[in-house]
Amino acid sequence: MNTGQLVLLTLLNPREKFWGVLLSLTPAGVSLRGVDLQSLDDFTQMVKSGEAANASVVFFPMHRVQRMEADNRSGELPSLAEQFAAKTGQDITRFFCGQEDAEP
């Protein structure tokens, strides 16, 4: 995994999933800028309606990390980034890479 890559992080205790751009990966843990997967629909709706929507910057200690996978297309199944773009007409990097003020 590389810094700046979109990833899906599966966590333990409690079990949750977080989607975002990888900020850092160290022996201590993982830092991401993104959203909890349970909040993705709400986040998408906010972006689509033009409301202010900000991604969170979070750190998860390595003992909570169960799995990290790249957000890639899987055959005919689009990536989360592709699904977001299809629903909102916007590129997710505008929100996840700290470019909220960039022009669309």
Foldseek 3Di string as FASTA:
>chain_A
DDAQFWKWWFWVPPTWIWTAGWHDQDLQWTKGWGGTPVCVVVLLVCLQVPHDHATDIDTDGPVTTDDMDTQQADVPRHGPQVVSCVSRVDGCCCHGVPNVVDDD
